[in-house]
Amino acid sequence: MIRCACGTSYAIIGGIPRLLPPVLQGMLWEMHPEFFHSYRARLPKELLPAEVMLPEKSSGDFATKAQLDTARSFGYEWQAFSEMLPDYESNFRWYFERFAPDSFKGKRILDAGCGTGRHTYHMAQSGAGEVVAMDFSQAIEVAARNNSENQNTHFVQADIYHPPFPPDSFDFVYSLGVLHHLPDPEKGFRTLLPLLRAGGYMNIYLYWNLEGEPAWRRAALSVVTSLRRVTTKMPHALLKKLSWLIAAGFQVAFVLPARAFAHFERTRSLADRVPLGHYRKYSFRVLYTDQFDRFSAPIENRYSRADVERWFKQEYLNDIVILGDAGWRASGQRPAGHQTGESEEAVPISTPA
């Protein structure tokens, strides 16, 4: 057990501190009933069922219910798709494209919403001094297993809205493909920023809303959005099978032709014009995983470039870069001697194509 100076107690299960806020503590009873039954006589009062907010009792609060549903969804996903694929190394480089390979050497880094720990792994291997991986779902256990060889990694089950770290704790914070699944993504972004030390960088990835894209792409997104009203309510095991069928159809219709175009010099320029053509660089397993992710997540928010610019401008970050291509990769530096959210003249933004 860990006991906070405020008097709150938290469980350590499987070597991982479970630092969830009281409203989400009951989720641990659902995920680890054997632990709580085994140690029930020794648990402090605040961790007993009568005191914690059990999942079935919190369904009346939309935000809490949405978080619980999201935790269950991603907990299932990252246990079902838990393997570390070779493709993930190039995917890691894509997310951190603007940063030089030695940017993380010796740094203390937070992976906020680590999932399987695939980015944690490559960040730890990049020379980082220390990587703290945080996730509020059961995926944190998968992340710990996948990083067992990395001695510079630490794992904690915690909520982005209530990160258990003091201000100025990290040199670099990243949250990739996570914030847009929160009930209030911008609140999550603002909550993470104070964890950065002065001069530290924040790097995020958000879904785009396809503003300005061809009509057929926006129409396809509308179809996916409509389907999600059904698929997000399906049993996960059934959706996993459906996702395989969808991925197989996409593989045949789009990925294989794009791969063929890329093989020949005369048609190489066509490869990137094919819908989902970027998946030609990855194995089928990546496409399959992404389809399950797309159709299972209870919440999905999408943003324009202007939205992302506003997030960074209103917090007065410096050296801001926003990269497009299948979503927004955005990063910025916390200025020295400035508290995020203070009112002063906004900094310019760099938005390379």
Protein backbone atom coordinates (compact mmCIF):
# COMPACT_ATOMS: atom_id res chain seq x y z
CA MET A 1 0.00 0.00 0.00
CA ILE A 2 0.95 3.64 -0.55
CA ARG A 3 -0.38 6.27 1.82
CA CYS A 4 -0.49 9.86 0.64
CA ALA A 5 0.31 12.77 2.96
CA CYS A 6 -3.35 13.73 2.56
CA GLY A 7 -4.29 10.45 4.24
CA THR A 8 -5.56 8.60 1.16
CA SER A 9 -4.38 5.02 0.66
CA TYR A 10 -3.65 3.37 -2.68
CA ALA A 11 -3.09 -0.27 -3.56
CA ILE A 12 0.03 -1.70 -5.20
CA ILE A 13 -1.04 -4.68 -7.31
CA GLY A 14 1.45 -6.73 -9.30
CA GLY A 15 4.18 -4.26 -8.43
CA ILE A 16 2.24 -1.37 -10.01
CA PRO A 17 0.95 1.54 -7.89
CA ARG A 18 -2.78 2.07 -8.57
CA LEU A 19 -3.10 5.82 -8.01
CA LEU A 20 -6.63 6.36 -9.27
CA PRO A 21 -8.89 9.08 -7.85
CA PRO A 22 -11.64 7.91 -5.47
CA VAL A 23 -14.33 8.04 -8.16
CA LEU A 24 -12.37 5.47 -10.21
CA GLN A 25 -10.96 3.36 -7.36
CA GLY A 26 -13.89 0.94 -7.62
CA MET A 27 -12.66 -0.04 -11.08
CA LEU A 28 -9.83 -1.92 -9.36
CA TRP A 29 -12.35 -4.18 -7.60
CA GLU A 30 -13.69 -5.09 -11.02
CA MET A 31 -10.22 -5.73 -12.49
CA HIS A 32 -8.55 -7.41 -9.49
CA PRO A 33 -11.20 -9.02 -7.27
CA GLU A 34 -8.77 -11.72 -6.13
CA PHE A 35 -6.39 -9.12 -4.66
CA PHE A 36 -9.07 -7.33 -2.67
CA HIS A 37 -10.66 -10.53 -1.40
CA SER A 38 -7.26 -11.88 -0.32
CA TYR A 39 -6.25 -8.71 1.53
CA ARG A 40 -9.67 -7.45 2.56
CA ALA A 41 -8.99 -7.79 6.29
CA ARG A 42 -5.87 -5.62 5.95
CA LEU A 43 -7.27 -2.94 3.66
CA PRO A 44 -7.81 0.58 4.96
CA LYS A 45 -11.41 1.65 5.23
CA GLU A 46 -11.34 3.90 2.15
CA LEU A 47 -10.56 0.93 -0.13
CA LEU A 48 -13.48 -1.20 1.05
CA PRO A 49 -16.58 -1.55 -1.20
CA ALA A 50 -18.71 0.57 1.13
CA GLU A 51 -16.33 3.52 0.66
CA VAL A 52 -15.12 3.34 -2.95
CA MET A 53 -17.27 4.26 -5.93
CA LEU A 54 -17.97 0.88 -7.51
CA PRO A 55 -18.49 0.92 -11.31
CA GLU A 56 -22.18 0.06 -11.20
CA LYS A 57 -22.85 2.91 -8.75
CA SER A 58 -21.18 5.58 -10.87
CA SER A 59 -23.21 5.05 -14.04
CA GLY A 60 -25.29 8.18 -13.39
CA ASP A 61 -22.33 10.52 -13.96
CA PHE A 62 -21.74 10.81 -17.71
CA ALA A 63 -18.04 11.68 -17.51
CA THR A 64 -17.31 8.92 -15.00
CA LYS A 65 -19.32 6.34 -16.93
CA ALA A 66 -17.55 7.36 -20.14
CA GLN A 67 -14.17 6.94 -18.45
CA LEU A 68 -15.12 3.53 -17.07
CA ASP A 69 -16.39 2.38 -20.46
CA THR A 70 -13.21 3.67 -22.08
CA ALA A 71 -11.04 1.88 -19.50
CA ARG A 72 -12.86 -1.40 -20.17
CA SER A 73 -12.60 -0.96 -23.93
CA PHE A 74 -8.89 -0.18 -24.01
CA GLY A 75 -8.15 -2.69 -21.28
CA TYR A 76 -9.63 -5.38 -23.52
CA GLU A 77 -8.00 -4.02 -26.68
CA TRP A 78 -4.46 -3.87 -25.36
CA GLN A 79 -4.68 -7.31 -23.81
CA ALA A 80 -6.06 -8.76 -27.06
CA PHE A 81 -3.49 -6.90 -29.19
CA SER A 82 -0.63 -6.96 -26.71
CA GLU A 83 2.30 -7.99 -28.87
CA MET A 84 5.21 -5.69 -29.72
CA LEU A 85 5.45 -5.56 -33.51
CA PRO A 86 8.58 -4.60 -35.49
CA ASP A 87 6.42 -1.98 -37.25
CA TYR A 88 6.18 0.01 -34.04
CA GLU A 89 9.74 1.30 -34.25
CA SER A 90 9.07 3.22 -37.48
CA ASN A 91 5.71 4.30 -36.06
CA PHE A 92 7.54 5.72 -33.02
CA ARG A 93 9.87 7.70 -35.29
CA TRP A 94 6.85 9.06 -37.19
CA TYR A 95 5.23 10.40 -34.02
CA PHE A 96 8.48 12.10 -32.96
CA GLU A 97 9.53 13.18 -36.46
CA ARG A 98 10.44 16.73 -35.49
CA PHE A 99 12.82 15.67 -32.72
CA ALA A 100 16.44 14.65 -33.29
CA PRO A 101 17.36 11.09 -32.17
CA ASP A 102 19.39 12.40 -29.22
CA SER A 103 16.65 14.76 -27.99
CA PHE A 104 15.63 12.42 -25.19
CA LYS A 105 19.05 11.41 -23.91
CA GLY A 106 19.14 11.53 -20.12
CA LYS A 107 15.68 13.12 -19.91
CA ARG A 108 12.85 12.29 -17.50
CA ILE A 109 9.82 11.54 -19.65
CA LEU A 110 6.10 10.86 -19.10
CA ASP A 111 4.10 8.62 -21.44
CA ALA A 112 0.54 9.72 -20.63
CA GLY A 113 -1.79 6.97 -21.79
CA CYS A 114 0.82 4.33 -22.60
CA GLY A 115 -1.45 1.47 -23.73
CA THR A 116 0.72 -1.58 -24.45
CA GLY A 117 3.86 0.43 -23.72
CA ARG A 118 5.11 0.29 -27.29
CA HIS A 119 6.18 3.95 -27.31
CA THR A 120 7.48 3.56 -23.76
CA TYR A 121 9.74 0.79 -25.01
CA HIS A 122 11.27 2.75 -27.88
CA MET A 123 11.58 5.88 -25.78
CA ALA A 124 13.46 3.90 -23.11
CA GLN A 125 15.71 2.48 -25.83
CA SER A 126 16.39 5.95 -27.24
CA GLY A 127 18.62 6.93 -24.31
CA ALA A 128 16.03 8.49 -22.02
CA GLY A 129 17.18 8.67 -18.42
CA GLU A 130 13.82 7.63 -17.02
CA VAL A 131 10.42 6.92 -18.60
CA VAL A 132 7.28 6.92 -16.45
CA ALA A 133 4.38 5.19 -18.21
CA MET A 134 0.86 5.99 -17.06
CA ASP A 135 -2.45 4.45 -18.11
CA PHE A 136 -5.79 4.24 -16.31
CA SER A 137 -6.84 0.92 -17.86
CA GLN A 138 -5.66 -2.63 -17.27
CA ALA A 139 -3.34 -2.13 -20.23
CA ILE A 140 -0.77 -0.85 -17.74
CA GLU A 141 0.02 -4.47 -16.91
CA VAL A 142 0.66 -5.26 -20.58
CA ALA A 143 2.95 -2.23 -20.80
CA ALA A 144 4.95 -3.39 -17.79
CA ARG A 145 5.41 -6.87 -19.29
CA ASN A 146 6.44 -5.47 -22.67
CA ASN A 147 9.09 -3.32 -21.00
CA SER A 148 10.50 -5.86 -18.56
CA GLU A 149 13.96 -5.58 -20.13
CA ASN A 150 14.09 -1.79 -19.76
CA GLN A 151 15.50 -0.87 -16.37
CA ASN A 152 14.75 2.84 -16.87
CA THR A 153 10.95 2.47 -16.98
CA HIS A 154 8.31 2.82 -14.25
CA PHE A 155 4.58 2.13 -14.41
CA VAL A 156 1.60 3.61 -12.63
CA GLN A 157 -2.14 3.20 -13.11
CA ALA A 158 -3.54 6.72 -12.99
CA ASP A 159 -5.95 9.10 -14.66
CA ILE A 160 -4.81 11.92 -16.98
CA TYR A 161 -7.27 14.25 -15.25
CA HIS A 162 -5.60 13.48 -11.90
CA PRO A 163 -1.90 12.77 -12.61
CA PRO A 164 -0.13 11.77 -9.37
CA PHE A 165 2.96 13.92 -9.95
CA PRO A 166 4.00 17.34 -8.68
CA PRO A 167 4.46 20.26 -11.10
CA ASP A 168 7.74 20.49 -13.02
CA SER A 169 8.35 16.74 -12.79
CA PHE A 170 9.30 15.96 -16.40
CA ASP A 171 11.54 17.20 -19.20
CA PHE A 172 9.20 15.80 -21.85
CA VAL A 173 5.54 14.73 -21.81
CA TYR A 174 3.77 12.96 -24.64
CA SER A 175 0.25 11.64 -25.13
CA LEU A 176 -0.31 9.91 -28.45
CA GLY A 177 -3.78 8.94 -29.62
CA VAL A 178 -5.20 9.33 -26.11
CA LEU A 179 -6.61 12.80 -25.51
CA HIS A 180 -9.24 12.54 -28.25
CA HIS A 181 -10.80 9.59 -26.39
CA LEU A 182 -11.42 11.64 -23.22
CA PRO A 183 -14.76 13.25 -22.31
CA ASP A 184 -12.94 16.61 -22.24
CA PRO A 185 -9.71 16.33 -24.29
CA GLU A 186 -8.67 19.96 -23.82
CA LYS A 187 -8.92 19.60 -20.05
CA GLY A 188 -6.59 16.59 -20.28
CA PHE A 189 -4.10 18.64 -22.29
CA ARG A 190 -4.18 21.51 -19.79
CA THR A 191 -3.80 19.10 -16.86
CA LEU A 192 -0.61 17.60 -18.29
CA LEU A 193 1.14 20.88 -19.09
CA PRO A 194 2.09 21.87 -15.51
CA LEU A 195 3.98 18.58 -15.19
CA LEU A 196 6.56 19.97 -17.64
CA ARG A 197 9.64 21.72 -16.40
CA ALA A 198 10.51 25.07 -17.97
CA GLY A 199 11.99 24.38 -21.39
CA GLY A 200 10.34 20.96 -21.58
CA TYR A 201 8.31 19.79 -24.57
CA MET A 202 4.78 18.47 -24.91
CA ASN A 203 4.03 16.19 -27.88
CA ILE A 204 0.50 15.01 -28.71
CA TYR A 205 -1.37 13.24 -31.49
CA LEU A 206 -5.03 14.00 -32.25
CA TYR A 207 -7.49 12.74 -34.85
CA TRP A 208 -8.24 15.23 -37.61
CA ASN A 209 -11.76 16.11 -38.76
CA LEU A 210 -10.80 16.04 -42.46
CA GLU A 211 -11.65 19.71 -42.88
CA GLY A 212 -10.64 20.75 -46.40
CA GLU A 213 -10.23 17.14 -47.54
CA PRO A 214 -12.07 15.76 -50.63
CA ALA A 215 -15.79 15.12 -50.26
CA TRP A 216 -15.39 11.35 -50.59
CA ARG A 217 -13.09 11.25 -47.56
CA ARG A 218 -15.52 13.24 -45.44
CA ALA A 219 -18.35 10.97 -46.61
CA ALA A 220 -16.34 7.90 -45.62
CA LEU A 221 -15.78 9.39 -42.17
CA SER A 222 -19.53 9.99 -41.82
CA VAL A 223 -20.15 6.32 -42.59
CA VAL A 224 -17.59 5.24 -39.98
CA THR A 225 -19.12 7.61 -37.43
CA SER A 226 -22.56 6.13 -38.08
CA LEU A 227 -21.25 2.58 -37.76
CA ARG A 228 -19.60 3.46 -34.45
CA ARG A 229 -23.02 4.07 -32.92
CA VAL A 230 -23.53 0.32 -33.27
CA THR A 231 -20.02 -1.10 -32.91
CA THR A 232 -19.21 0.70 -29.65
CA LYS A 233 -22.10 -1.20 -28.06
CA MET A 234 -21.08 -4.63 -29.40
CA PRO A 235 -19.41 -7.30 -27.23
CA HIS A 236 -15.66 -6.90 -27.63
CA ALA A 237 -15.11 -10.51 -28.73
CA LEU A 238 -17.64 -10.11 -31.56
CA LEU A 239 -16.24 -6.74 -32.59
CA LYS A 240 -12.75 -8.25 -32.73
CA LYS A 241 -13.97 -10.71 -35.40
CA LEU A 242 -15.77 -7.97 -37.30
CA SER A 243 -12.66 -5.78 -37.19
CA TRP A 244 -10.65 -8.58 -38.78
CA LEU A 245 -13.15 -8.79 -41.65
CA ILE A 246 -13.09 -5.02 -42.13
CA ALA A 247 -9.28 -4.97 -42.07
CA ALA A 248 -9.12 -7.86 -44.55
CA GLY A 249 -11.42 -5.97 -46.92
CA PHE A 250 -9.29 -2.84 -46.65
CA GLN A 251 -6.13 -4.89 -47.18
CA VAL A 252 -7.42 -6.30 -50.47
CA ALA A 253 -9.14 -3.15 -51.73
CA PHE A 254 -6.54 -0.53 -50.80
CA VAL A 255 -3.35 -1.68 -49.10
CA LEU A 256 -2.24 -4.32 -51.60
CA PRO A 257 -2.80 -2.04 -54.62
CA ALA A 258 -0.90 0.77 -52.85
CA ARG A 259 1.93 -1.64 -52.14
CA ALA A 260 1.98 -2.66 -55.80
CA PHE A 261 2.05 0.97 -56.96
CA ALA A 262 4.94 1.71 -54.61
CA HIS A 263 6.93 -1.20 -56.02
CA PHE A 264 7.32 0.36 -59.47
CA GLU A 265 8.98 3.70 -60.09
CA ARG A 266 6.45 4.79 -62.74
CA THR A 267 3.48 4.33 -60.37
CA ARG A 268 5.15 5.13 -57.05
CA SER A 269 3.53 8.56 -56.78
CA LEU A 270 0.09 6.93 -56.86
CA ALA A 271 0.68 4.90 -53.70
CA ASP A 272 0.03 7.81 -51.35
CA ARG A 273 -3.19 8.73 -53.16
CA VAL A 274 -4.80 5.39 -52.40
CA PRO A 275 -7.12 5.47 -49.35
CA LEU A 276 -5.32 3.86 -46.40
CA GLY A 277 -2.25 3.64 -48.62
CA HIS A 278 0.09 4.43 -45.73
CA TYR A 279 -0.71 0.98 -44.29
CA ARG A 280 1.42 -0.51 -47.08
CA LYS A 281 4.39 0.24 -44.80
CA TYR A 282 2.99 -1.88 -41.97
CA SER A 283 1.93 -5.47 -41.35
CA PHE A 284 -1.71 -6.56 -41.52
CA ARG A 285 -1.74 -6.82 -37.73
CA VAL A 286 -1.35 -3.03 -37.45
CA LEU A 287 -4.31 -2.45 -39.78
CA TYR A 288 -6.36 -5.01 -37.85
CA THR A 289 -5.52 -3.42 -34.49
CA ASP A 290 -6.36 0.05 -35.77
CA GLN A 291 -9.78 -1.05 -37.02
CA PHE A 292 -10.66 -2.50 -33.64
CA ASP A 293 -9.43 0.71 -32.03
CA ARG A 294 -11.49 2.84 -34.40
CA PHE A 295 -14.74 0.95 -33.90
CA SER A 296 -14.48 0.13 -30.19
CA ALA A 297 -13.49 3.36 -28.40
CA PRO A 298 -16.60 4.80 -26.69
CA ILE A 299 -15.53 8.41 -27.29
CA GLU A 300 -13.92 9.88 -30.40
CA ASN A 301 -13.24 13.59 -30.83
CA ARG A 302 -11.79 15.12 -34.00
CA TYR A 303 -10.08 18.44 -34.62
CA SER A 304 -9.08 20.92 -37.29
CA ARG A 305 -5.62 22.45 -37.52
CA ALA A 306 -7.09 25.67 -36.14
CA ASP A 307 -8.37 23.81 -33.08
CA VAL A 308 -4.93 22.39 -32.35
CA GLU A 309 -3.29 25.78 -32.88
CA ARG A 310 -5.70 27.29 -30.38
CA TRP A 311 -4.81 24.68 -27.73
CA PHE A 312 -1.13 25.55 -27.93
CA LYS A 313 -1.54 29.30 -28.42
CA GLN A 314 -3.78 29.83 -25.42
CA GLU A 315 -1.20 28.11 -23.19
CA TYR A 316 1.56 30.29 -24.67
CA LEU A 317 3.91 27.46 -25.60
CA ASN A 318 7.01 28.24 -27.66
CA ASP A 319 8.58 26.54 -30.67
CA ILE A 320 5.24 25.07 -31.73
CA VAL A 321 5.18 22.69 -34.68
CA ILE A 322 2.07 21.02 -36.10
CA LEU A 323 2.49 18.22 -38.63
CA GLY A 324 -0.39 16.77 -40.64
CA ASP A 325 -0.73 13.43 -42.46
CA ALA A 326 -3.37 11.07 -40.98
CA GLY A 327 -3.99 13.27 -37.94
CA TRP A 328 -2.23 16.08 -36.10
CA ARG A 329 1.17 15.64 -34.48
CA ALA A 330 1.63 18.77 -32.42
CA SER A 331 4.39 19.80 -30.06
CA GLY A 332 5.52 22.86 -28.18
CA GLN A 333 7.92 24.01 -25.48
CA ARG A 334 6.92 25.32 -22.07
CA PRO A 335 8.59 28.72 -21.66
CA ALA A 336 10.79 29.53 -18.70
CA GLY A 337 9.32 31.67 -15.97
CA HIS A 338 5.76 31.33 -17.23
CA GLN A 339 2.78 29.51 -15.78
CA THR A 340 0.59 27.97 -18.48
CA GLY A 341 -2.66 29.81 -18.94
CA GLU A 342 -1.34 33.25 -17.89
CA SER A 343 -2.40 36.08 -20.13
CA GLU A 344 0.25 37.55 -22.37
CA GLU A 345 0.91 38.00 -26.07
CA ALA A 346 0.62 34.70 -27.93
CA VAL A 347 3.66 33.21 -29.64
CA PRO A 348 3.80 32.52 -33.38
CA ILE A 349 3.12 29.02 -34.65
CA SER A 350 5.02 26.97 -37.18
CA THR A 351 2.75 24.69 -39.23
CA PRO A 352 4.81 22.90 -41.87
CA ALA A 353 2.92 20.82 -44.39
